[in-house]
C-alpha atoms as a PDB file:
ATOM      1  CA  MET A   1     141.626 108.179 109.290  1.00  0.00           C
ATOM      2  CA  ASN A   2     137.829 108.361 109.431  1.00  0.00           C
ATOM      3  CA  LEU A   3     135.836 110.586 107.099  1.00  0.00           C
ATOM      4  CA  ALA A   4     135.141 113.335 109.625  1.00  0.00           C
ATOM      5  CA  LEU A   5     138.838 113.676 110.531  1.00  0.00           C
ATOM      6  CA  ARG A   6     139.897 113.519 106.885  1.00  0.00           C
ATOM      7  CA  TRP A   7     137.481 116.345 106.106  1.00  0.00           C
ATOM      8  CA  GLN A   8     138.805 118.477 108.971  1.00  0.00           C
ATOM      9  CA  ALA A   9     142.355 117.925 107.727  1.00  0.00           C
ATOM     10  CA  GLN A  10     141.573 119.405 104.310  1.00  0.00           C
ATOM     11  CA  PRO A  11     138.602 121.787 104.634  1.00  0.00           C
ATOM     12  CA  GLN A  12     139.688 124.047 101.786  1.00  0.00           C
ATOM     13  CA  ARG A  13     140.459 121.383  99.203  1.00  0.00           C
ATOM     14  CA  ALA A  14     137.973 120.374  96.553  1.00  0.00           C
ATOM     15  CA  LEU A  15     136.754 116.918  97.528  1.00  0.00           C
ATOM     16  CA  ARG A  16     136.894 114.078  95.080  1.00  0.00           C
ATOM     17  CA  ALA A  17     133.581 112.605  93.990  1.00  0.00           C
ATOM     18  CA  GLU A  18     134.060 109.514  96.148  1.00  0.00           C
ATOM     19  CA  GLN A  19     134.673 111.655  99.223  1.00  0.00           C
ATOM     20  CA  LEU A  20     131.554 113.691  98.503  1.00  0.00           C
ATOM     21  CA  GLY A  21     129.566 110.465  98.293  1.00  0.00           C
ATOM     22  CA  ASP A  22     130.987 109.318 101.614  1.00  0.00           C
ATOM     23  CA  LEU A  23     130.187 112.692 103.187  1.00  0.00           C
ATOM     24  CA  ALA A  24     126.580 112.483 101.957  1.00  0.00           C
ATOM     25  CA  SER A  25     126.291 108.988 103.445  1.00  0.00           C
ATOM     26  CA  LEU A  26     127.797 110.215 106.720  1.00  0.00           C
ATOM     27  CA  SER A  27     125.252 113.053 106.822  1.00  0.00           C
ATOM     28  CA  LEU A  28     122.434 110.502 106.606  1.00  0.00           C
ATOM     29  CA  LYS A  29     123.982 108.519 109.458  1.00  0.00           C
ATOM     30  CA  ARG A  30     124.378 111.617 111.610  1.00  0.00           C
ATOM     31  CA  GLU A  31     120.665 112.275 111.139  1.00  0.00           C
ATOM     32  CA  VAL A  32     119.933 108.747 112.365  1.00  0.00           C
ATOM     33  CA  GLU A  33     122.247 109.243 115.353  1.00  0.00           C
ATOM     34  CA  THR A  34     120.108 112.085 116.681  1.00  0.00           C
ATOM     35  CA  TYR A  35     117.648 111.689 119.554  1.00  0.00           C
ATOM     36  CA  PRO A  36     115.018 112.750 120.448  1.00  0.00           C
ATOM     37  CA  LYS A  37     113.655 113.522 116.971  1.00  0.00           C
ATOM     38  CA  PRO A  38     109.840 113.511 117.054  1.00  0.00           C
ATOM     39  CA  GLY A  39     108.453 110.371 115.444  1.00  0.00           C
ATOM     40  CA  LEU A  40     111.677 109.520 113.634  1.00  0.00           C
ATOM     41  CA  VAL A  41     113.963 106.502 113.725  1.00  0.00           C
ATOM     42  CA  SER A  42     117.122 106.903 115.774  1.00  0.00           C
ATOM     43  CA  HIS A  43     119.760 104.777 117.490  1.00  0.00           C
ATOM     44  CA  VAL A  44     117.436 104.752 120.533  1.00  0.00           C
ATOM     45  CA  ASP A  45     114.156 103.546 119.021  1.00  0.00           C
ATOM     46  CA  ASN A  46     112.177 103.192 115.776  1.00  0.00           C
ATOM     47  CA  GLY A  47     109.869 106.145 116.324  1.00  0.00           C
ATOM     48  CA  ALA A  48     106.597 105.829 114.431  1.00  0.00           C
ATOM     49  CA  HIS A  49     108.046 103.243 112.031  1.00  0.00           C
ATOM     50  CA  ARG A  50     107.414  99.516 112.176  1.00  0.00           C
ATOM     51  CA  ASP A  51     109.297  98.696 108.991  1.00  0.00           C
ATOM     52  CA  MET A  52     112.731 100.174 109.711  1.00  0.00           C
ATOM     53  CA  ASP A  53     115.315 100.741 112.399  1.00  0.00           C
ATOM     54  CA  ALA A  54     118.672 102.494 112.745  1.00  0.00           C
ATOM     55  CA  ALA A  55     120.635  99.528 111.412  1.00  0.00           C
ATOM     56  CA  LEU A  56     118.503  99.410 108.252  1.00  0.00           C
ATOM     57  CA  LEU A  57     118.888 103.160 107.702  1.00  0.00           C
ATOM     58  CA  CYS A  58     122.661 102.939 108.110  1.00  0.00           C
ATOM     59  CA  ARG A  59     122.805 100.001 105.689  1.00  0.00           C
ATOM     60  CA  SER A  60     120.822 102.078 103.222  1.00  0.00           C
ATOM     61  CA  ALA A  61     123.181 105.033 103.694  1.00  0.00           C
ATOM     62  CA  ASP A  62     126.189 102.797 103.012  1.00  0.00           C
ATOM     63  CA  THR A  63     124.508 101.411  99.899  1.00  0.00           C
ATOM     64  CA  LEU A  64     123.886 104.908  98.575  1.00  0.00           C
ATOM     65  CA  ALA A  65     127.422 106.268  99.092  1.00  0.00           C
ATOM     66  CA  PRO A  66     128.783 105.210  95.668  1.00  0.00           C
ATOM     67  CA  PHE A  67     125.704 106.584  93.917  1.00  0.00           C
ATOM     68  CA  PHE A  68     126.104 109.934  95.653  1.00  0.00           C
ATOM     69  CA  GLY A  69     129.714 109.831  94.463  1.00  0.00           C
ATOM     70  CA  GLU A  70     128.552 109.079  90.929  1.00  0.00           C
ATOM     71  CA  LEU A  71     126.184 112.044  91.094  1.00  0.00           C
ATOM     72  CA  ALA A  72     129.058 114.263  92.244  1.00  0.00           C
ATOM     73  CA  ALA A  73     131.196 113.023  89.349  1.00  0.00           C
ATOM     74  CA  ALA A  74     128.357 113.611  86.887  1.00  0.00           C
ATOM     75  CA  GLY A  75     127.895 117.121  88.234  1.00  0.00           C
ATOM     76  CA  ALA A  76     131.605 117.799  87.812  1.00  0.00           C
ATOM     77  CA  GLU A  77     131.262 116.757  84.172  1.00  0.00           C
ATOM     78  CA  GLY A  78     128.381 119.195  83.634  1.00  0.00           C
ATOM     79  CA  ALA A  79     125.702 116.519  83.320  1.00  0.00           C
ATOM     80  CA  GLY A  80     122.109 117.484  82.675  1.00  0.00           C
ATOM     81  CA  MET A  81     119.080 116.414  84.675  1.00  0.00           C
ATOM     82  CA  ASP A  82     118.416 113.325  82.553  1.00  0.00           C
ATOM     83  CA  ARG A  83     121.783 111.857  83.524  1.00  0.00           C
ATOM     84  CA  LEU A  84     121.306 112.750  87.191  1.00  0.00           C
ATOM     85  CA  ARG A  85     117.831 111.240  87.157  1.00  0.00           C
ATOM     86  CA  ALA A  86     119.150 107.961  85.694  1.00  0.00           C
ATOM     87  CA  ILE A  87     121.719 107.689  88.493  1.00  0.00           C
ATOM     88  CA  GLY A  88     118.995 108.436  91.026  1.00  0.00           C
ATOM     89  CA  VAL A  89     116.789 105.665  89.644  1.00  0.00           C
ATOM     90  CA  ALA A  90     119.694 103.213  89.916  1.00  0.00           C
ATOM     91  CA  ALA A  91     120.328 104.397  93.479  1.00  0.00           C
ATOM     92  CA  GLU A  92     116.693 103.788  94.408  1.00  0.00           C
ATOM     93  CA  ARG A  93     116.823 100.263  92.985  1.00  0.00           C
ATOM     94  CA  ALA A  94     119.950  99.526  95.010  1.00  0.00           C
ATOM     95  CA  MET A  95     118.356 100.988  98.142  1.00  0.00           C
ATOM     96  CA  LEU A  96     115.247  98.832  97.788  1.00  0.00           C
ATOM     97  CA  ALA A  97     117.383  95.728  97.179  1.00  0.00           C
ATOM     98  CA  ALA A  98     119.444  96.447 100.300  1.00  0.00           C
ATOM     99  CA  THR A  99     116.376  97.081 102.479  1.00  0.00           C
ATOM    100  CA  SER A 100     114.112  94.305 101.141  1.00  0.00           C
ATOM    101  CA  GLY A 101     111.798  96.862  99.582  1.00  0.00           C
ATOM    102  CA  VAL A 102     111.629  99.435 102.388  1.00  0.00           C
ATOM    103  CA  ASN A 103     111.764 103.073 101.268  1.00  0.00           C
ATOM    104  CA  THR A 104     114.409 104.369 103.629  1.00  0.00           C
ATOM    105  CA  HIS A 105     115.884 107.275 101.659  1.00  0.00           C
ATOM    106  CA  ARG A 106     113.962 108.036  98.456  1.00  0.00           C
ATOM    107  CA  GLY A 107     113.637 111.708  99.355  1.00  0.00           C
ATOM    108  CA  ALA A 108     117.298 111.948 100.318  1.00  0.00           C
ATOM    109  CA  ILE A 109     118.383 110.366  97.047  1.00  0.00           C
ATOM    110  CA  PHE A 110     116.641 113.236  95.278  1.00  0.00           C
ATOM    111  CA  GLY A 111     117.605 116.205  97.445  1.00  0.00           C
ATOM    112  CA  LEU A 112     120.995 115.129  98.752  1.00  0.00           C
ATOM    113  CA  GLY A 113     121.825 113.686  95.341  1.00  0.00           C
ATOM    114  CA  LEU A 114     121.262 117.067  93.686  1.00  0.00           C
ATOM    115  CA  LEU A 115     123.437 118.743  96.303  1.00  0.00           C
ATOM    116  CA  CYS A 116     126.183 116.183  95.586  1.00  0.00           C
ATOM    117  CA  ALA A 117     125.946 116.987  91.880  1.00  0.00           C
ATOM    118  CA  ALA A 118     126.178 120.687  92.694  1.00  0.00           C
ATOM    119  CA  ALA A 119     129.184 120.064  94.946  1.00  0.00           C
ATOM    120  CA  GLY A 120     130.925 118.212  92.141  1.00  0.00           C
ATOM    121  CA  TYR A 121     130.122 120.992  89.678  1.00  0.00           C
ATOM    122  CA  ARG A 122     131.252 123.631  92.186  1.00  0.00           C
ATOM    123  CA  GLY A 123     134.551 121.862  92.745  1.00  0.00           C
ATOM    124  CA  ALA A 124     135.200 121.417  89.037  1.00  0.00           C
ATOM    125  CA  LEU A 125     134.652 125.130  88.406  1.00  0.00           C
ATOM    126  CA  GLY A 126     136.523 126.217  91.530  1.00  0.00           C
ATOM    127  CA  ILE A 127     133.781 128.590  92.661  1.00  0.00           C
ATOM    128  CA  ARG A 128     132.226 129.207  96.084  1.00  0.00           C
ATOM    129  CA  LYS A 129     128.594 129.774  95.146  1.00  0.00           C
ATOM    130  CA  PRO A 130     126.042 128.145  97.529  1.00  0.00           C
ATOM    131  CA  LEU A 131     125.091 124.634  96.472  1.00  0.00           C
ATOM    132  CA  GLY A 132     121.368 125.359  96.588  1.00  0.00           C
ATOM    133  CA  GLU A 133     121.753 128.321  94.266  1.00  0.00           C
ATOM    134  CA  MET A 134     123.722 126.141  91.860  1.00  0.00           C
ATOM    135  CA  VAL A 135     121.018 123.462  91.871  1.00  0.00           C
ATOM    136  CA  SER A 136     118.361 126.054  91.111  1.00  0.00           C
ATOM    137  CA  GLN A 137     120.319 127.734  88.341  1.00  0.00           C
ATOM    138  CA  ARG A 138     121.724 124.598  86.747  1.00  0.00           C
ATOM    139  CA  TRP A 139     118.802 122.169  86.987  1.00  0.00           C
ATOM    140  CA  GLY A 140     115.810 124.053  88.439  1.00  0.00           C
ATOM    141  CA  ALA A 141     113.707 124.227  85.286  1.00  0.00           C
ATOM    142  CA  ALA A 142     114.358 120.573  84.440  1.00  0.00           C
ATOM    143  CA  ILE A 143     113.399 119.535  87.970  1.00  0.00           C
ATOM    144  CA  LEU A 144     109.985 121.182  87.616  1.00  0.00           C
ATOM    145  CA  ASP A 145     109.496 119.875  84.080  1.00  0.00           C
ATOM    146  CA  GLY A 146     110.473 116.311  84.969  1.00  0.00           C
ATOM    147  CA  PRO A 147     108.192 113.328  85.564  1.00  0.00           C
ATOM    148  CA  ILE A 148     106.094 113.321  88.724  1.00  0.00           C
ATOM    149  CA  SER A 149     106.390 110.230  90.906  1.00  0.00           C
ATOM    150  CA  LEU A 150     103.145 108.312  91.232  1.00  0.00           C
ATOM    151  CA  ARG A 151     104.498 106.125  94.051  1.00  0.00           C
ATOM    152  CA  SER A 152     105.766 108.739  96.475  1.00  0.00           C
ATOM    153  CA  HIS A 153     103.530 109.373  99.473  1.00  0.00           C
ATOM    154  CA  GLY A 154     105.029 112.843  99.715  1.00  0.00           C
ATOM    155  CA  ALA A 155     104.176 113.650  96.103  1.00  0.00           C
ATOM    156  CA  LEU A 156     100.616 112.440  96.595  1.00  0.00           C
ATOM    157  CA  ALA A 157     100.221 114.574  99.728  1.00  0.00           C
ATOM    158  CA  ALA A 158     101.742 117.584  97.960  1.00  0.00           C
ATOM    159  CA  ARG A 159      99.131 117.333  95.223  1.00  0.00           C
ATOM    160  CA  ARG A 160      96.245 116.733  97.645  1.00  0.00           C
ATOM    161  CA  TYR A 161      97.098 119.551 100.062  1.00  0.00           C
ATOM    162  CA  GLY A 162      98.769 121.992  97.686  1.00  0.00           C
ATOM    163  CA  ALA A 163     102.135 121.797  99.460  1.00  0.00           C
ATOM    164  CA  GLY A 164     105.276 122.555  97.507  1.00  0.00           C
ATOM    165  CA  GLY A 165     107.025 119.271  98.186  1.00  0.00           C
ATOM    166  CA  ALA A 166     110.554 118.137  97.356  1.00  0.00           C
ATOM    167  CA  ARG A 167     110.513 119.230  93.704  1.00  0.00           C
ATOM    168  CA  ALA A 168     109.644 122.837  94.502  1.00  0.00           C
ATOM    169  CA  GLU A 169     112.148 122.856  97.364  1.00  0.00           C
ATOM    170  CA  ALA A 170     114.977 121.752  95.095  1.00  0.00           C
ATOM    171  CA  ALA A 171     114.027 123.939  92.154  1.00  0.00           C
ATOM    172  CA  CYS A 172     114.019 126.998  94.423  1.00  0.00           C
ATOM    173  CA  GLY A 173     117.491 126.226  95.755  1.00  0.00           C
ATOM    174  CA  PHE A 174     116.514 124.495  99.023  1.00  0.00           C
ATOM    175  CA  PRO A 175     115.221 127.506 100.971  1.00  0.00           C
ATOM    176  CA  SER A 176     114.339 125.280 103.921  1.00  0.00           C
ATOM    177  CA  VAL A 177     118.006 124.321 104.208  1.00  0.00           C
ATOM    178  CA  TYR A 178     119.387 127.837 103.841  1.00  0.00           C
ATOM    179  CA  ASP A 179     116.690 129.927 105.537  1.00  0.00           C
ATOM    180  CA  ILE A 180     115.643 127.532 108.325  1.00  0.00           C
ATOM    181  CA  ALA A 181     118.016 124.646 108.958  1.00  0.00           C
ATOM    182  CA  LEU A 182     121.437 126.270 108.678  1.00  0.00           C
ATOM    183  CA  PRO A 183     120.567 129.343 110.796  1.00  0.00           C
ATOM    184  CA  ALA A 184     119.017 127.032 113.411  1.00  0.00           C
ATOM    185  CA  LEU A 185     122.061 124.754 113.369  1.00  0.00           C
ATOM    186  CA  HIS A 186     124.509 127.611 113.836  1.00  0.00           C
ATOM    187  CA  ALA A 187     122.411 129.251 116.562  1.00  0.00           C
ATOM    188  CA  ALA A 188     122.085 125.906 118.380  1.00  0.00           C
ATOM    189  CA  GLN A 189     125.843 125.450 118.314  1.00  0.00           C
ATOM    190  CA  GLN A 190     126.001 128.608 120.423  1.00  0.00           C
ATOM    191  CA  LEU A 191     123.157 127.495 122.696  1.00  0.00           C
ATOM    192  CA  ALA A 192     124.706 124.078 123.353  1.00  0.00           C
ATOM    193  CA  PRO A 193     128.450 124.279 122.701  1.00  0.00           C
ATOM    194  CA  ARG A 194     130.238 120.950 122.223  1.00  0.00           C
ATOM    195  CA  ASP A 195     126.944 119.057 121.945  1.00  0.00           C
ATOM    196  CA  GLU A 196     126.479 118.250 118.258  1.00  0.00           C
ATOM    197  CA  GLU A 197     123.466 116.028 118.917  1.00  0.00           C
ATOM    198  CA  ALA A 198     121.662 118.876 120.672  1.00  0.00           C
ATOM    199  CA  ALA A 199     122.337 121.159 117.708  1.00  0.00           C
ATOM    200  CA  ARG A 200     120.851 118.549 115.383  1.00  0.00           C
ATOM    201  CA  VAL A 201     117.751 118.153 117.587  1.00  0.00           C
ATOM    202  CA  GLN A 202     117.223 121.927 117.575  1.00  0.00           C
ATOM    203  CA  THR A 203     117.607 122.053 113.804  1.00  0.00           C
ATOM    204  CA  CYS A 204     115.122 119.233 113.347  1.00  0.00           C
ATOM    205  CA  MET A 205     112.596 121.006 115.577  1.00  0.00           C
ATOM    206  CA  ALA A 206     113.052 124.246 113.617  1.00  0.00           C
ATOM    207  CA  LEU A 207     112.344 122.395 110.381  1.00  0.00           C
ATOM    208  CA  ILE A 208     109.256 120.647 111.795  1.00  0.00           C
ATOM    209  CA  ALA A 209     107.924 123.984 113.070  1.00  0.00           C
ATOM    210  CA  ALA A 210     108.293 125.785 109.737  1.00  0.00           C
ATOM    211  CA  VAL A 211     108.051 123.293 106.865  1.00  0.00           C
ATOM    212  CA  ALA A 212     104.829 121.920 105.367  1.00  0.00           C
ATOM    213  CA  ASP A 213     106.228 118.392 105.549  1.00  0.00           C
ATOM    214  CA  THR A 214     104.392 116.206 103.052  1.00  0.00           C
ATOM    215  CA  ASN A 215     105.224 113.100 105.086  1.00  0.00           C
ATOM    216  CA  LEU A 216     103.294 114.579 108.010  1.00  0.00           C
ATOM    217  CA  LEU A 217     100.435 115.465 105.662  1.00  0.00           C
ATOM    218  CA  HIS A 218     100.399 111.906 104.337  1.00  0.00           C
ATOM    219  CA  ARG A 219     100.295 110.355 107.801  1.00  0.00           C
ATOM    220  CA  GLY A 220      98.158 112.850 109.692  1.00  0.00           C
ATOM    221  CA  GLY A 221      96.524 115.208 107.222  1.00  0.00           C
ATOM    222  CA  ALA A 222      96.319 118.935 107.878  1.00  0.00           C
ATOM    223  CA  GLU A 223      95.487 118.312 111.549  1.00  0.00           C
ATOM    224  CA  GLY A 224      98.589 116.196 111.999  1.00  0.00           C
ATOM    225  CA  LEU A 225     100.760 118.864 110.397  1.00  0.00           C
ATOM    226  CA  ARG A 226      99.268 121.550 112.667  1.00  0.00           C
ATOM    227  CA  PHE A 227      99.903 119.410 115.750  1.00  0.00           C
ATOM    228  CA  ALA A 228     103.493 118.737 114.717  1.00  0.00           C
ATOM    229  CA  GLN A 229     104.254 122.371 113.945  1.00  0.00           C
ATOM    230  CA  ALA A 230     102.661 123.590 117.180  1.00  0.00           C
ATOM    231  CA  SER A 231     104.584 121.038 119.261  1.00  0.00           C
ATOM    232  CA  ALA A 232     107.934 121.935 117.719  1.00  0.00           C
ATOM    233  CA  SER A 233     107.192 125.660 117.941  1.00  0.00           C
ATOM    234  CA  ALA A 234     106.382 125.337 121.650  1.00  0.00           C
ATOM    235  CA  PHE A 235     109.666 123.505 122.233  1.00  0.00           C
ATOM    236  CA  LEU A 236     111.601 126.295 120.523  1.00  0.00           C
ATOM    237  CA  ALA A 237     109.659 129.036 122.301  1.00  0.00           C
ATOM    238  CA  ALA A 238     110.567 127.475 125.659  1.00  0.00           C
ATOM    239  CA  GLY A 239     114.245 127.908 124.842  1.00  0.00           C
ATOM    240  CA  GLY A 240     114.888 124.752 122.876  1.00  0.00           C
ATOM    241  CA  VAL A 241     118.149 122.992 123.668  1.00  0.00           C
ATOM    242  CA  GLY A 242     119.341 126.069 125.531  1.00  0.00           C
ATOM    243  CA  SER A 243     116.926 125.434 128.417  1.00  0.00           C
ATOM    244  CA  SER A 244     117.187 122.994 131.279  1.00  0.00           C
ATOM    245  CA  GLY A 245     115.238 119.769 130.900  1.00  0.00           C
ATOM    246  CA  TRP A 246     115.090 120.071 127.132  1.00  0.00           C
ATOM    247  CA  ARG A 247     115.820 116.392 126.527  1.00  0.00           C
ATOM    248  CA  LYS A 248     112.764 115.270 128.487  1.00  0.00           C
ATOM    249  CA  ARG A 249     110.543 117.797 126.696  1.00  0.00           C
ATOM    250  CA  ALA A 250     111.854 116.652 123.331  1.00  0.00           C
ATOM    251  CA  ALA A 251     111.363 113.002 124.314  1.00  0.00           C
ATOM    252  CA  ASP A 252     107.769 113.744 125.365  1.00  0.00           C
ATOM    253  CA  ILE A 253     107.100 115.346 121.982  1.00  0.00           C
ATOM    254  CA  HIS A 254     108.682 112.332 120.313  1.00  0.00           C
ATOM    255  CA  GLN A 255     106.320 109.981 122.145  1.00  0.00           C
ATOM    256  CA  ALA A 256     103.327 112.172 121.262  1.00  0.00           C
ATOM    257  CA  PHE A 257     104.264 111.893 117.587  1.00  0.00           C
ATOM    258  CA  VAL A 258     104.637 108.125 117.891  1.00  0.00           C
ATOM    259  CA  ALA A 259     101.197 107.868 119.516  1.00  0.00           C
ATOM    260  CA  ARG A 260      99.722 109.737 116.541  1.00  0.00           C
ATOM    261  CA  ASN A 261     101.785 107.796 113.968  1.00  0.00           C
ATOM    262  CA  LEU A 262     103.447 111.026 112.812  1.00  0.00           C
ATOM    263  CA  SER A 263     106.890 110.973 111.237  1.00  0.00           C
ATOM    264  CA  PRO A 264     108.377 114.137 109.676  1.00  0.00           C
ATOM    265  CA  GLY A 265     110.491 112.375 107.090  1.00  0.00           C
ATOM    266  CA  GLY A 266     110.881 115.551 105.070  1.00  0.00           C
ATOM    267  CA  ALA A 267     112.469 117.283 108.044  1.00  0.00           C
ATOM    268  CA  ALA A 268     114.828 114.324 108.487  1.00  0.00           C
ATOM    269  CA  ASP A 269     115.951 114.587 104.859  1.00  0.00           C
ATOM    270  CA  LEU A 270     116.397 118.354 105.162  1.00  0.00           C
ATOM    271  CA  LEU A 271     118.439 117.899 108.338  1.00  0.00           C
ATOM    272  CA  ALA A 272     120.819 115.532 106.526  1.00  0.00           C
ATOM    273  CA  MET A 273     121.052 117.983 103.619  1.00  0.00           C
ATOM    274  CA  ALA A 274     121.856 120.835 105.998  1.00  0.00           C
ATOM    275  CA  LEU A 275     124.619 118.801 107.639  1.00  0.00           C
ATOM    276  CA  PHE A 276     126.092 118.075 104.209  1.00  0.00           C
ATOM    277  CA  VAL A 277     125.889 121.683 103.059  1.00  0.00           C
ATOM    278  CA  ASP A 278     127.357 122.929 106.331  1.00  0.00           C
ATOM    279  CA  ARG A 279     130.427 120.711 105.902  1.00  0.00           C
ATOM    280  CA  ILE A 280     130.913 121.728 102.274  1.00  0.00           C
ATOM    281  CA  GLU A 281     130.312 125.441 102.603  1.00  0.00           C
ATOM    282  CA  THR A 282     131.766 126.198 106.039  1.00  0.00           C
ATOM    283  CA  GLY A 283     134.047 123.268 106.728  1.00  0.00           C
ATOM    284  CA  CYS A 284     132.538 122.835 110.207  1.00  0.00           C
END
């Protein structure tokens, strides 16, 4: 039985750490298997990326599954941020070895890894508190007090442009997941019933429209971010995936991002996180 069916067969049971790791990996793959996503890699094309494709991203996701499971197990044991950070560093080394040095999922290791730890902790305690709230309460202060990456393009852009970035997002309980992505995902499921890919496209567009994505700032500066947000906002204002011809409009936006070398990697990570949280907290 595949992971998705196994999850549906036991939606109310606390998942073992290994299953949580597999679910996190599956969430990354479902993000890849979404098209059109402006500027991003998918099963259709490489978007604005010359150094990665869908196969590489899926290999990376498979490589990370046991580390996400280890983070879930550590969370279940009540581990502090130092332990979680050590697992994350090991996960990043494994990712880079599997991808010949390409940074496929550094941001996801951080954000999705924390959500895995929270899911493990939540299961061990037998409570139903939102994962983001648990991350903020359990590790929020340590996240903000921790070392700042000097290699991350997103971290550099956050400092240059004054954007919050991944650390602030996590420490605050992932508001972009709970206030933007999940409402968009659930609304899109009503707009386009039985079309999961459409719901993911709509969610991605909602994130691009609302989030100060540091990957966009790194690639295109403030002007690039404004262009990206305006394009996604126009798509949503025209009815999004609930309107006829939406796939062509989304594909046109995708090509416009590619032409400008824009890739909203932060939105991609947040989409995967939202898919993970949705499965854990609603069993959908």
